[in-house]
Amino acid sequence: MTTTGSDPGLHLRPMVHVADMATAIAFYQRLGAEIIHGGPDTDWVLMQLGAVQIGLIAHAPDACRDEGAVELTFSAAMALDELERRLHQAGFRAAEVTTDQTFGEQLQVRTPDGLLIKITQRESEE
């Protein structure tokens, strides 16, 4: 999938740091969620809850990277360098571009209120 014009093709996926993966999975399953990726013995799990996907991460937030208990992550159809350029032209600077072992390259940006958001490149949907 490619984007044209001003639509970067962003999809929101909240990520929640959990202390006990099996207990967290059971909680979200009681709410009607289904596991899409991972399981009780993995470092991260992706669950479908209605129209929303939620990620569970089995480690504490990294305070050095300003991570909170809940992170807003997006996947983008638009190339990350193009999205970074677009933000820069509007006066917003990326906090950093990193490579995460699990999620790949991430564009990390602070909102005007200081919230750290992470944007990953979504694989082609063709």
C-alpha atoms as a PDB file:
ATOM      1  CA  MET A   1       0.000   0.000   0.000  1.00  0.00           C
ATOM      2  CA  THR A   2       1.363   3.396  -0.901  1.00  0.00           C
ATOM      3  CA  THR A   3       0.046   6.722   0.206  1.00  0.00           C
ATOM      4  CA  THR A   4      -0.473   9.838  -1.787  1.00  0.00           C
ATOM      5  CA  GLY A   5      -0.881  13.453  -0.843  1.00  0.00           C
ATOM      6  CA  SER A   6      -1.014  14.217   2.840  1.00  0.00           C
ATOM      7  CA  ASP A   7      -2.158  10.831   4.193  1.00  0.00           C
ATOM      8  CA  PRO A   8       0.759   9.003   5.859  1.00  0.00           C
ATOM      9  CA  GLY A   9      -1.415   5.920   6.416  1.00  0.00           C
ATOM     10  CA  LEU A  10      -0.966   5.744  10.195  1.00  0.00           C
ATOM     11  CA  HIS A  11      -2.516   2.966  12.307  1.00  0.00           C
ATOM     12  CA  LEU A  12      -2.488   3.321  16.104  1.00  0.00           C
ATOM     13  CA  ARG A  13      -1.427   0.384  18.261  1.00  0.00           C
ATOM     14  CA  PRO A  14      -1.171   1.034  22.025  1.00  0.00           C
ATOM     15  CA  MET A  15       1.602  -0.940  23.715  1.00  0.00           C
ATOM     16  CA  VAL A  16       1.253  -1.815  27.404  1.00  0.00           C
ATOM     17  CA  HIS A  17       4.160  -2.892  29.614  1.00  0.00           C
ATOM     18  CA  VAL A  18       3.009  -5.758  31.846  1.00  0.00           C
ATOM     19  CA  ALA A  19       4.547  -7.462  34.879  1.00  0.00           C
ATOM     20  CA  ASP A  20       2.928 -10.869  34.260  1.00  0.00           C
ATOM     21  CA  MET A  21       2.217 -11.751  30.641  1.00  0.00           C
ATOM     22  CA  ALA A  22      -0.057 -14.745  31.326  1.00  0.00           C
ATOM     23  CA  THR A  23      -2.238 -12.736  33.719  1.00  0.00           C
ATOM     24  CA  ALA A  24      -2.421  -9.786  31.323  1.00  0.00           C
ATOM     25  CA  ILE A  25      -3.414 -12.081  28.436  1.00  0.00           C
ATOM     26  CA  ALA A  26      -6.144 -13.678  30.567  1.00  0.00           C
ATOM     27  CA  PHE A  27      -7.487 -10.219  31.477  1.00  0.00           C
ATOM     28  CA  TYR A  28      -7.711  -9.027  27.862  1.00  0.00           C
ATOM     29  CA  GLN A  29      -9.180 -12.368  26.746  1.00  0.00           C
ATOM     30  CA  ARG A  30     -11.963 -11.869  29.321  1.00  0.00           C
ATOM     31  CA  LEU A  31     -12.677  -8.566  27.555  1.00  0.00           C
ATOM     32  CA  GLY A  32     -12.995 -10.490  24.284  1.00  0.00           C
ATOM     33  CA  ALA A  33      -9.471 -10.121  22.869  1.00  0.00           C
ATOM     34  CA  GLU A  34      -7.799 -12.827  20.784  1.00  0.00           C
ATOM     35  CA  ILE A  35      -4.059 -13.443  20.455  1.00  0.00           C
ATOM     36  CA  ILE A  36      -2.709 -12.622  16.992  1.00  0.00           C
ATOM     37  CA  HIS A  37       1.009 -13.043  17.743  1.00  0.00           C
ATOM     38  CA  GLY A  38       2.999 -14.467  20.644  1.00  0.00           C
ATOM     39  CA  GLY A  39       1.798 -16.149  23.799  1.00  0.00           C
ATOM     40  CA  PRO A  40       2.208 -16.377  27.586  1.00  0.00           C
ATOM     41  CA  ASP A  41       5.895 -17.333  27.300  1.00  0.00           C
ATOM     42  CA  THR A  42       6.937 -14.609  24.812  1.00  0.00           C
ATOM     43  CA  ASP A  43       8.341 -11.105  25.323  1.00  0.00           C
ATOM     44  CA  TRP A  44       5.509  -9.440  23.451  1.00  0.00           C
ATOM     45  CA  VAL A  45       1.991 -10.330  22.421  1.00  0.00           C
ATOM     46  CA  LEU A  46      -0.302  -8.733  19.879  1.00  0.00           C
ATOM     47  CA  MET A  47      -4.013  -9.026  20.595  1.00  0.00           C
ATOM     48  CA  GLN A  48      -7.095  -8.073  18.591  1.00  0.00           C
ATOM     49  CA  LEU A  49      -9.812  -6.457  20.711  1.00  0.00           C
ATOM     50  CA  GLY A  50     -12.720  -5.480  18.504  1.00  0.00           C
ATOM     51  CA  ALA A  51     -11.382  -3.099  15.869  1.00  0.00           C
ATOM     52  CA  VAL A  52      -8.259  -2.324  17.931  1.00  0.00           C
ATOM     53  CA  GLN A  53      -4.946  -4.126  18.210  1.00  0.00           C
ATOM     54  CA  ILE A  54      -3.107  -3.856  21.516  1.00  0.00           C
ATOM     55  CA  GLY A  55       0.450  -4.935  22.205  1.00  0.00           C
ATOM     56  CA  LEU A  56       1.635  -6.335  25.531  1.00  0.00           C
ATOM     57  CA  ILE A  57       5.346  -6.049  26.390  1.00  0.00           C
ATOM     58  CA  ALA A  58       6.798  -8.271  29.139  1.00  0.00           C
ATOM     59  CA  HIS A  59       9.281  -5.812  30.601  1.00  0.00           C
ATOM     60  CA  ALA A  60       9.233  -2.581  32.538  1.00  0.00           C
ATOM     61  CA  PRO A  61       9.296   0.711  30.623  1.00  0.00           C
ATOM     62  CA  ASP A  62      12.790   2.083  29.954  1.00  0.00           C
ATOM     63  CA  ALA A  63      12.972   5.316  31.974  1.00  0.00           C
ATOM     64  CA  CYS A  64      16.192   6.306  30.156  1.00  0.00           C
ATOM     65  CA  ARG A  65      14.188   6.382  26.920  1.00  0.00           C
ATOM     66  CA  ASP A  66      11.240   8.160  28.600  1.00  0.00           C
ATOM     67  CA  GLU A  67       8.916   5.199  28.069  1.00  0.00           C
ATOM     68  CA  GLY A  68       5.705   5.099  30.067  1.00  0.00           C
ATOM     69  CA  ALA A  69       3.576   2.169  31.199  1.00  0.00           C
ATOM     70  CA  VAL A  70       1.498   2.698  28.050  1.00  0.00           C
ATOM     71  CA  GLU A  71       3.079   3.754  24.766  1.00  0.00           C
ATOM     72  CA  LEU A  72       1.344   5.095  21.703  1.00  0.00           C
ATOM     73  CA  THR A  73       2.880   3.426  18.697  1.00  0.00           C
ATOM     74  CA  PHE A  74       1.851   3.857  15.110  1.00  0.00           C
ATOM     75  CA  SER A  75       2.623   1.917  11.972  1.00  0.00           C
ATOM     76  CA  ALA A  76       2.981   4.010   8.837  1.00  0.00           C
ATOM     77  CA  ALA A  77       2.455   3.198   5.190  1.00  0.00           C
ATOM     78  CA  MET A  78       4.500   6.319   4.323  1.00  0.00           C
ATOM     79  CA  ALA A  79       8.288   5.889   4.349  1.00  0.00           C
ATOM     80  CA  LEU A  80       9.692   6.948   7.739  1.00  0.00           C
ATOM     81  CA  ASP A  81      12.261   9.313   6.214  1.00  0.00           C
ATOM     82  CA  GLU A  82       9.475  11.047   4.284  1.00  0.00           C
ATOM     83  CA  LEU A  83       7.366  11.317   7.426  1.00  0.00           C
ATOM     84  CA  GLU A  84      10.348  12.691   9.374  1.00  0.00           C
ATOM     85  CA  ARG A  85      10.952  15.299   6.627  1.00  0.00           C
ATOM     86  CA  ARG A  86       7.308  16.303   6.738  1.00  0.00           C
ATOM     87  CA  LEU A  87       7.404  16.783  10.520  1.00  0.00           C
ATOM     88  CA  HIS A  88      10.718  18.675  10.317  1.00  0.00           C
ATOM     89  CA  GLN A  89       9.320  21.053   7.674  1.00  0.00           C
ATOM     90  CA  ALA A  90       6.432  21.827  10.035  1.00  0.00           C
ATOM     91  CA  GLY A  91       8.869  22.579  12.888  1.00  0.00           C
ATOM     92  CA  PHE A  92       8.677  19.243  14.724  1.00  0.00           C
ATOM     93  CA  ARG A  93      11.889  17.294  15.203  1.00  0.00           C
ATOM     94  CA  ALA A  94      12.207  13.555  15.637  1.00  0.00           C
ATOM     95  CA  ALA A  95      13.539  12.595  19.066  1.00  0.00           C
ATOM     96  CA  GLU A  96      15.563   9.882  17.346  1.00  0.00           C
ATOM     97  CA  VAL A  97      15.433   7.139  14.768  1.00  0.00           C
ATOM     98  CA  THR A  98      16.237   3.810  16.394  1.00  0.00           C
ATOM     99  CA  THR A  99      16.232   0.165  15.476  1.00  0.00           C
ATOM    100  CA  ASP A 100      14.305  -2.016  17.886  1.00  0.00           C
ATOM    101  CA  GLN A 101      15.237  -5.715  17.958  1.00  0.00           C
ATOM    102  CA  THR A 102      11.586  -6.772  17.734  1.00  0.00           C
ATOM    103  CA  PHE A 103       9.870  -3.956  15.852  1.00  0.00           C
ATOM    104  CA  GLY A 104      12.590  -2.757  13.464  1.00  0.00           C
ATOM    105  CA  GLU A 105      13.294   0.862  12.588  1.00  0.00           C
ATOM    106  CA  GLN A 106      11.316   3.379  14.615  1.00  0.00           C
ATOM    107  CA  LEU A 107      10.877   7.120  14.244  1.00  0.00           C
ATOM    108  CA  GLN A 108      10.492   8.529  17.752  1.00  0.00           C
ATOM    109  CA  VAL A 109       8.799  11.910  18.027  1.00  0.00           C
ATOM    110  CA  ARG A 110       7.611  14.086  20.891  1.00  0.00           C
ATOM    111  CA  THR A 111       4.155  15.575  20.642  1.00  0.00           C
ATOM    112  CA  PRO A 112       3.838  19.307  21.417  1.00  0.00           C
ATOM    113  CA  ASP A 113       2.875  18.239  24.976  1.00  0.00           C
ATOM    114  CA  GLY A 114       6.015  16.116  25.381  1.00  0.00           C
ATOM    115  CA  LEU A 115       4.502  12.641  24.915  1.00  0.00           C
ATOM    116  CA  LEU A 116       6.906  10.258  23.205  1.00  0.00           C
ATOM    117  CA  ILE A 117       5.313   8.383  20.298  1.00  0.00           C
ATOM    118  CA  LYS A 118       6.962   5.690  18.191  1.00  0.00           C
ATOM    119  CA  ILE A 119       6.264   5.138  14.501  1.00  0.00           C
ATOM    120  CA  THR A 120       7.316   1.941  12.705  1.00  0.00           C
ATOM    121  CA  GLN A 121       7.248   1.139   9.006  1.00  0.00           C
ATOM    122  CA  ARG A 122       4.283  -1.029   8.071  1.00  0.00           C
ATOM    123  CA  GLU A 123       5.010  -3.792   5.608  1.00  0.00           C
ATOM    124  CA  SER A 124       3.428  -3.512   2.195  1.00  0.00           C
ATOM    125  CA  GLU A 125      -0.157  -4.750   2.141  1.00  0.00           C
ATOM    126  CA  GLU A 126      -0.012  -5.751  -1.522  1.00  0.00           C
END
